[in-house]
N, C-alpha and C. Protein backbone atom coordinates (compact mmCIF):
# COMPACT_ATOMS: atom_id res chain seq x y z
N MET A 1 -0.92 6.61 -8.90
CA MET A 1 -0.27 5.31 -8.86
C MET A 1 1.18 5.42 -9.32
N LEU A 2 1.45 6.38 -10.19
CA LEU A 2 2.82 6.55 -10.64
C LEU A 2 3.75 6.91 -9.48
N GLN A 3 3.25 7.70 -8.55
CA GLN A 3 4.06 8.05 -7.38
C GLN A 3 4.26 6.84 -6.46
N ALA A 4 3.26 6.00 -6.36
CA ALA A 4 3.40 4.77 -5.58
C ALA A 4 4.44 3.86 -6.24
N LEU A 5 4.45 3.81 -7.56
CA LEU A 5 5.47 3.03 -8.27
C LEU A 5 6.87 3.58 -8.02
N ASP A 6 7.00 4.89 -7.96
CA ASP A 6 8.29 5.49 -7.63
C ASP A 6 8.75 5.05 -6.24
N GLU A 7 7.82 5.01 -5.30
CA GLU A 7 8.15 4.54 -3.95
C GLU A 7 8.56 3.07 -3.98
N ALA A 8 7.88 2.27 -4.77
CA ALA A 8 8.23 0.85 -4.89
C ALA A 8 9.64 0.69 -5.45
N ARG A 9 10.00 1.52 -6.39
CA ARG A 9 11.36 1.47 -6.94
C ARG A 9 12.40 1.85 -5.88
N ARG A 10 12.07 2.77 -5.01
CA ARG A 10 12.97 3.12 -3.91
C ARG A 10 13.18 1.91 -2.99
N ALA A 11 12.09 1.20 -2.72
CA ALA A 11 12.19 0.00 -1.90
C ALA A 11 13.10 -1.03 -2.58
N TYR A 12 12.91 -1.23 -3.86
CA TYR A 12 13.72 -2.17 -4.63
C TYR A 12 15.20 -1.84 -4.49
N GLU A 13 15.54 -0.56 -4.64
CA GLU A 13 16.94 -0.12 -4.55
C GLU A 13 17.54 -0.38 -3.17
N LYS A 14 16.69 -0.43 -2.14
CA LYS A 14 17.15 -0.68 -0.77
C LYS A 14 17.14 -2.17 -0.41
N GLY A 15 16.74 -3.01 -1.37
CA GLY A 15 16.64 -4.44 -1.07
C GLY A 15 15.37 -4.84 -0.35
N GLU A 16 14.40 -3.94 -0.32
CA GLU A 16 13.09 -4.22 0.27
C GLU A 16 12.16 -4.76 -0.80
N ILE A 17 11.18 -5.55 -0.41
CA ILE A 17 10.17 -5.98 -1.38
C ILE A 17 9.55 -4.72 -1.95
N PRO A 18 9.52 -4.59 -3.29
CA PRO A 18 9.15 -3.32 -3.92
C PRO A 18 7.65 -3.03 -3.95
N ILE A 19 7.16 -2.59 -2.81
CA ILE A 19 5.78 -2.13 -2.73
C ILE A 19 5.82 -0.69 -2.26
N GLY A 20 5.10 0.16 -2.98
CA GLY A 20 5.05 1.57 -2.65
C GLY A 20 3.62 2.03 -2.44
N CYS A 21 3.48 3.12 -1.70
CA CYS A 21 2.16 3.59 -1.32
C CYS A 21 2.15 5.11 -1.18
N VAL A 22 1.06 5.73 -1.58
CA VAL A 22 0.83 7.15 -1.30
C VAL A 22 -0.61 7.32 -0.82
N VAL A 23 -0.81 8.32 0.02
CA VAL A 23 -2.15 8.67 0.48
C VAL A 23 -2.43 10.08 -0.01
N VAL A 24 -3.60 10.25 -0.61
CA VAL A 24 -3.98 11.51 -1.24
C VAL A 24 -5.32 11.98 -0.67
N THR A 25 -5.39 13.28 -0.42
CA THR A 25 -6.67 13.89 -0.08
C THR A 25 -6.79 15.21 -0.83
N ARG A 26 -7.92 15.41 -1.44
CA ARG A 26 -8.19 16.64 -2.20
C ARG A 26 -7.04 16.98 -3.15
N ASP A 27 -6.61 16.00 -3.93
CA ASP A 27 -5.54 16.15 -4.93
C ASP A 27 -4.19 16.53 -4.33
N ARG A 28 -3.99 16.25 -3.07
CA ARG A 28 -2.73 16.56 -2.39
C ARG A 28 -2.17 15.29 -1.75
N VAL A 29 -0.93 14.97 -2.04
CA VAL A 29 -0.28 13.82 -1.41
C VAL A 29 0.06 14.21 0.02
N VAL A 30 -0.47 13.45 0.98
CA VAL A 30 -0.22 13.74 2.39
C VAL A 30 0.72 12.72 3.03
N ALA A 31 0.98 11.62 2.31
CA ALA A 31 1.93 10.63 2.83
C ALA A 31 2.41 9.76 1.68
N ARG A 32 3.64 9.31 1.82
CA ARG A 32 4.22 8.38 0.85
C ARG A 32 5.17 7.47 1.60
N SER A 33 5.23 6.23 1.18
CA SER A 33 6.14 5.31 1.82
C SER A 33 6.33 4.08 0.95
N HIS A 34 7.24 3.24 1.39
CA HIS A 34 7.49 1.95 0.76
C HIS A 34 7.81 0.96 1.87
N ASN A 35 7.88 -0.30 1.51
CA ASN A 35 8.18 -1.32 2.51
C ASN A 35 9.49 -1.00 3.22
N LEU A 36 9.49 -1.19 4.53
CA LEU A 36 10.69 -0.97 5.35
C LEU A 36 10.92 -2.14 6.31
N THR A 37 10.39 -3.30 5.98
CA THR A 37 10.48 -4.44 6.90
C THR A 37 11.91 -4.88 7.16
N GLU A 38 12.77 -4.83 6.15
CA GLU A 38 14.17 -5.21 6.34
C GLU A 38 14.94 -4.09 7.06
N THR A 39 14.72 -2.88 6.63
CA THR A 39 15.42 -1.73 7.21
C THR A 39 15.13 -1.59 8.70
N LEU A 40 13.87 -1.73 9.07
CA LEU A 40 13.46 -1.56 10.47
C LEU A 40 13.43 -2.88 11.24
N CYS A 41 13.68 -3.98 10.55
CA CYS A 41 13.62 -5.31 11.18
C CYS A 41 12.26 -5.47 11.87
N ASP A 42 11.21 -5.17 11.11
CA ASP A 42 9.85 -5.11 11.66
C ASP A 42 8.89 -5.67 10.61
N VAL A 43 8.28 -6.80 10.91
CA VAL A 43 7.38 -7.42 9.95
C VAL A 43 6.12 -6.59 9.68
N THR A 44 5.82 -5.63 10.53
CA THR A 44 4.64 -4.79 10.31
C THR A 44 4.94 -3.52 9.52
N ALA A 45 6.17 -3.32 9.11
CA ALA A 45 6.57 -2.07 8.43
C ALA A 45 6.26 -2.11 6.94
N HIS A 46 5.04 -2.51 6.61
CA HIS A 46 4.59 -2.52 5.22
C HIS A 46 4.35 -1.09 4.74
N ALA A 47 4.40 -0.91 3.44
CA ALA A 47 4.22 0.42 2.85
C ALA A 47 2.92 1.08 3.31
N GLU A 48 1.84 0.31 3.33
CA GLU A 48 0.54 0.86 3.73
C GLU A 48 0.54 1.31 5.18
N MET A 49 1.13 0.51 6.06
CA MET A 49 1.17 0.85 7.48
C MET A 49 1.95 2.15 7.70
N GLN A 50 3.08 2.26 7.01
CA GLN A 50 3.90 3.46 7.13
C GLN A 50 3.15 4.69 6.61
N ALA A 51 2.47 4.52 5.48
CA ALA A 51 1.75 5.64 4.87
C ALA A 51 0.54 6.07 5.70
N ILE A 52 -0.17 5.10 6.27
CA ILE A 52 -1.33 5.43 7.11
C ILE A 52 -0.87 6.24 8.33
N THR A 53 0.20 5.81 8.96
CA THR A 53 0.72 6.53 10.12
C THR A 53 1.15 7.94 9.74
N ALA A 54 1.87 8.06 8.63
CA ALA A 54 2.33 9.38 8.19
C ALA A 54 1.15 10.29 7.84
N ALA A 55 0.14 9.75 7.17
CA ALA A 55 -1.03 10.55 6.80
C ALA A 55 -1.78 11.02 8.04
N ALA A 56 -1.95 10.13 9.01
CA ALA A 56 -2.64 10.51 10.25
C ALA A 56 -1.87 11.62 10.98
N ASN A 57 -0.55 11.50 10.99
CA ASN A 57 0.26 12.55 11.62
C ASN A 57 0.15 13.87 10.88
N THR A 58 0.19 13.81 9.56
CA THR A 58 0.09 15.03 8.74
C THR A 58 -1.26 15.71 8.91
N LEU A 59 -2.32 14.91 8.93
CA LEU A 59 -3.67 15.47 8.99
C LEU A 59 -4.16 15.70 10.41
N GLY A 60 -3.46 15.16 11.39
CA GLY A 60 -3.82 15.40 12.78
C GLY A 60 -4.99 14.59 13.29
N GLY A 61 -5.20 13.42 12.74
CA GLY A 61 -6.29 12.56 13.23
C GLY A 61 -6.14 11.15 12.71
N LYS A 62 -6.72 10.19 13.43
CA LYS A 62 -6.55 8.80 13.06
C LYS A 62 -7.48 8.33 11.94
N TYR A 63 -8.54 9.06 11.69
CA TYR A 63 -9.47 8.68 10.63
C TYR A 63 -9.13 9.41 9.34
N LEU A 64 -9.03 8.65 8.27
CA LEU A 64 -8.64 9.19 6.96
C LEU A 64 -9.81 9.07 5.98
N THR A 65 -10.97 9.53 6.42
CA THR A 65 -12.21 9.32 5.68
C THR A 65 -12.26 10.03 4.33
N ASP A 66 -11.49 11.06 4.14
CA ASP A 66 -11.50 11.78 2.86
C ASP A 66 -10.26 11.47 2.03
N CYS A 67 -9.66 10.31 2.28
CA CYS A 67 -8.38 9.99 1.63
C CYS A 67 -8.49 8.76 0.72
N THR A 68 -7.62 8.76 -0.27
CA THR A 68 -7.44 7.61 -1.14
C THR A 68 -6.03 7.07 -0.93
N LEU A 69 -5.92 5.76 -0.77
CA LEU A 69 -4.64 5.10 -0.63
C LEU A 69 -4.33 4.39 -1.94
N TYR A 70 -3.19 4.72 -2.53
CA TYR A 70 -2.71 4.07 -3.74
C TYR A 70 -1.56 3.16 -3.35
N VAL A 71 -1.63 1.89 -3.72
CA VAL A 71 -0.57 0.94 -3.38
C VAL A 71 -0.33 0.02 -4.58
N THR A 72 0.91 -0.36 -4.78
CA THR A 72 1.27 -1.09 -5.99
C THR A 72 0.83 -2.54 -6.00
N VAL A 73 0.60 -3.12 -4.83
CA VAL A 73 0.16 -4.52 -4.72
C VAL A 73 -1.03 -4.57 -3.76
N GLU A 74 -1.96 -5.45 -4.05
CA GLU A 74 -3.12 -5.64 -3.18
C GLU A 74 -2.69 -5.77 -1.72
N PRO A 75 -3.32 -5.05 -0.81
CA PRO A 75 -2.94 -5.12 0.60
C PRO A 75 -3.11 -6.52 1.19
N CYS A 76 -2.26 -6.83 2.16
CA CYS A 76 -2.39 -8.08 2.92
C CYS A 76 -3.51 -7.91 3.95
N PRO A 77 -3.89 -8.97 4.64
CA PRO A 77 -4.95 -8.83 5.66
C PRO A 77 -4.60 -7.85 6.77
N MET A 78 -3.33 -7.80 7.20
CA MET A 78 -2.94 -6.85 8.25
C MET A 78 -3.17 -5.42 7.78
N CYS A 79 -2.71 -5.11 6.58
CA CYS A 79 -2.85 -3.75 6.06
C CYS A 79 -4.32 -3.42 5.78
N ALA A 80 -5.06 -4.40 5.29
CA ALA A 80 -6.49 -4.18 5.05
C ALA A 80 -7.20 -3.85 6.36
N GLY A 81 -6.81 -4.51 7.43
CA GLY A 81 -7.39 -4.19 8.74
C GLY A 81 -7.08 -2.76 9.16
N ALA A 82 -5.85 -2.35 8.96
CA ALA A 82 -5.46 -0.97 9.30
C ALA A 82 -6.20 0.03 8.42
N ILE A 83 -6.34 -0.29 7.14
CA ILE A 83 -7.09 0.56 6.21
C ILE A 83 -8.54 0.68 6.68
N GLY A 84 -9.09 -0.43 7.12
CA GLY A 84 -10.46 -0.43 7.64
C GLY A 84 -10.61 0.42 8.88
N TRP A 85 -9.69 0.26 9.84
CA TRP A 85 -9.75 1.04 11.07
C TRP A 85 -9.55 2.52 10.80
N ALA A 86 -8.72 2.85 9.82
CA ALA A 86 -8.49 4.26 9.48
C ALA A 86 -9.63 4.85 8.66
N GLN A 87 -10.52 4.01 8.19
CA GLN A 87 -11.71 4.40 7.44
C GLN A 87 -11.39 5.18 6.16
N LEU A 88 -10.35 4.73 5.46
CA LEU A 88 -10.04 5.36 4.17
C LEU A 88 -11.24 5.20 3.24
N SER A 89 -11.53 6.23 2.47
CA SER A 89 -12.70 6.17 1.61
C SER A 89 -12.45 5.39 0.32
N ARG A 90 -11.18 5.28 -0.06
CA ARG A 90 -10.89 4.61 -1.33
C ARG A 90 -9.52 3.96 -1.29
N VAL A 91 -9.42 2.79 -1.92
CA VAL A 91 -8.15 2.09 -2.09
C VAL A 91 -8.00 1.76 -3.57
N VAL A 92 -6.84 2.10 -4.10
CA VAL A 92 -6.52 1.77 -5.49
C VAL A 92 -5.23 0.96 -5.44
N TYR A 93 -5.28 -0.26 -5.98
CA TYR A 93 -4.06 -1.07 -5.98
C TYR A 93 -3.71 -1.50 -7.39
N GLY A 94 -2.43 -1.82 -7.56
CA GLY A 94 -1.91 -2.23 -8.86
C GLY A 94 -2.24 -3.68 -9.16
N CYS A 95 -1.35 -4.58 -8.80
CA CYS A 95 -1.57 -5.99 -9.13
C CYS A 95 -2.12 -6.74 -7.92
N PRO A 96 -2.89 -7.79 -8.18
CA PRO A 96 -3.40 -8.60 -7.07
C PRO A 96 -2.26 -9.41 -6.45
N ASP A 97 -2.45 -9.78 -5.19
CA ASP A 97 -1.52 -10.66 -4.50
C ASP A 97 -2.22 -12.00 -4.33
N GLU A 98 -1.91 -12.92 -5.22
CA GLU A 98 -2.59 -14.22 -5.24
C GLU A 98 -2.31 -15.04 -3.99
N LYS A 99 -1.14 -14.85 -3.37
CA LYS A 99 -0.75 -15.67 -2.23
C LYS A 99 -1.15 -15.10 -0.88
N ARG A 100 -1.12 -13.77 -0.73
CA ARG A 100 -1.32 -13.17 0.59
C ARG A 100 -2.28 -11.98 0.59
N GLY A 101 -3.03 -11.78 -0.48
CA GLY A 101 -3.92 -10.64 -0.55
C GLY A 101 -5.12 -10.74 0.37
N TYR A 102 -5.61 -9.60 0.79
CA TYR A 102 -6.73 -9.56 1.73
C TYR A 102 -8.00 -10.16 1.15
N ARG A 103 -8.19 -10.07 -0.16
CA ARG A 103 -9.44 -10.56 -0.75
C ARG A 103 -9.63 -12.05 -0.51
N GLU A 104 -8.53 -12.79 -0.44
CA GLU A 104 -8.59 -14.23 -0.19
C GLU A 104 -8.82 -14.54 1.28
N TYR A 105 -8.11 -13.85 2.17
CA TYR A 105 -8.10 -14.20 3.59
C TYR A 105 -8.97 -13.33 4.48
N ALA A 106 -9.20 -12.10 4.10
CA ALA A 106 -9.99 -11.19 4.94
C ALA A 106 -10.80 -10.23 4.06
N PRO A 107 -11.71 -10.77 3.26
CA PRO A 107 -12.42 -9.93 2.29
C PRO A 107 -13.30 -8.85 2.91
N ARG A 108 -13.60 -8.96 4.20
CA ARG A 108 -14.45 -7.94 4.85
C ARG A 108 -13.66 -7.04 5.79
N ALA A 109 -12.33 -7.03 5.66
CA ALA A 109 -11.50 -6.24 6.58
C ALA A 109 -11.63 -4.74 6.37
N LEU A 110 -11.87 -4.32 5.15
CA LEU A 110 -12.00 -2.88 4.87
C LEU A 110 -13.30 -2.34 5.45
N HIS A 111 -13.32 -1.04 5.65
CA HIS A 111 -14.56 -0.38 6.09
C HIS A 111 -15.62 -0.61 5.02
N PRO A 112 -16.87 -0.84 5.41
CA PRO A 112 -17.92 -1.13 4.43
C PRO A 112 -18.11 -0.07 3.35
N LYS A 113 -17.76 1.18 3.66
CA LYS A 113 -17.95 2.25 2.67
C LYS A 113 -16.72 2.47 1.79
N THR A 114 -15.64 1.72 2.02
CA THR A 114 -14.43 1.90 1.23
C THR A 114 -14.63 1.39 -0.19
N GLU A 115 -14.34 2.25 -1.14
CA GLU A 115 -14.40 1.89 -2.56
C GLU A 115 -13.04 1.32 -2.96
N VAL A 116 -13.04 0.21 -3.69
CA VAL A 116 -11.79 -0.45 -4.08
C VAL A 116 -11.70 -0.54 -5.60
N THR A 117 -10.54 -0.17 -6.13
CA THR A 117 -10.25 -0.31 -7.55
C THR A 117 -8.94 -1.08 -7.68
N GLY A 118 -8.97 -2.19 -8.34
CA GLY A 118 -7.76 -2.99 -8.54
C GLY A 118 -7.35 -3.00 -10.00
N GLY A 119 -6.09 -3.28 -10.23
CA GLY A 119 -5.59 -3.44 -11.60
C GLY A 119 -5.01 -2.18 -12.22
N THR A 120 -4.87 -1.11 -11.44
CA THR A 120 -4.30 0.13 -11.98
C THR A 120 -2.80 -0.03 -12.18
N LEU A 121 -2.33 0.14 -13.41
CA LEU A 121 -0.92 -0.07 -13.78
C LEU A 121 -0.44 -1.45 -13.34
N CYS A 122 -1.33 -2.42 -13.44
CA CYS A 122 -1.05 -3.77 -12.97
C CYS A 122 0.23 -4.36 -13.59
N ASP A 123 0.38 -4.23 -14.89
CA ASP A 123 1.55 -4.83 -15.56
C ASP A 123 2.86 -4.26 -15.03
N GLU A 124 2.92 -2.96 -14.83
CA GLU A 124 4.13 -2.32 -14.32
C GLU A 124 4.43 -2.77 -12.89
N CYS A 125 3.39 -2.82 -12.07
CA CYS A 125 3.55 -3.23 -10.67
C CYS A 125 4.00 -4.69 -10.59
N ARG A 126 3.37 -5.54 -11.37
CA ARG A 126 3.73 -6.96 -11.38
C ARG A 126 5.16 -7.17 -11.86
N GLN A 127 5.53 -6.45 -12.92
CA GLN A 127 6.88 -6.61 -13.47
C GLN A 127 7.95 -6.25 -12.45
N LEU A 128 7.73 -5.19 -11.70
CA LEU A 128 8.69 -4.79 -10.68
C LEU A 128 8.85 -5.88 -9.62
N MET A 129 7.75 -6.47 -9.20
CA MET A 129 7.80 -7.56 -8.22
C MET A 129 8.54 -8.77 -8.81
N GLN A 130 8.21 -9.13 -10.03
CA GLN A 130 8.86 -10.28 -10.66
C GLN A 130 10.35 -10.06 -10.83
N ASP A 131 10.73 -8.86 -11.25
CA ASP A 131 12.17 -8.54 -11.40
C ASP A 131 12.89 -8.68 -10.06
N PHE A 132 12.27 -8.18 -9.01
CA PHE A 132 12.87 -8.23 -7.68
C PHE A 132 13.12 -9.68 -7.26
N PHE A 133 12.09 -10.51 -7.36
CA PHE A 133 12.24 -11.89 -6.88
C PHE A 133 13.15 -12.71 -7.78
N ARG A 134 13.15 -12.41 -9.07
CA ARG A 134 14.09 -13.08 -9.97
C ARG A 134 15.54 -12.77 -9.58
N SER A 135 15.78 -11.52 -9.21
CA SER A 135 17.14 -11.12 -8.84
C SER A 135 17.58 -11.76 -7.52
N ARG A 136 16.64 -12.21 -6.71
CA ARG A 136 16.94 -12.82 -5.41
C ARG A 136 17.20 -14.32 -5.51
N ARG A 137 16.79 -14.92 -6.61
CA ARG A 137 16.92 -16.38 -6.74
C ARG A 137 18.16 -16.79 -7.43
């Protein structure tokens, strides 16, 4: 999760919403990314979407069944759907997203076998988001 936080800080420095993500398999990081929606002018360029694509390219297949995705904020329904289709075995997220998180809008979007752990480094992840939005207002 610390590496995902580093990615979120990179997003913050670029003026992107500070969400970072890494995908790990067998103790090896195979993908890392952060939000790029402003940079790419693409509403689908969320950290998770970028990391899933990079991991699939690195591993040579669309299914990420032996992978864990670490992300600083609870995935949105779009990202949860992609996580489900990619069949990631585990998702670890930092702080919940009370307004747009998948648990509220699409609680069954993940693959049924996906293990979910929330609240990892929650305070640090939340603080980064709060600092970002405070600086924008």
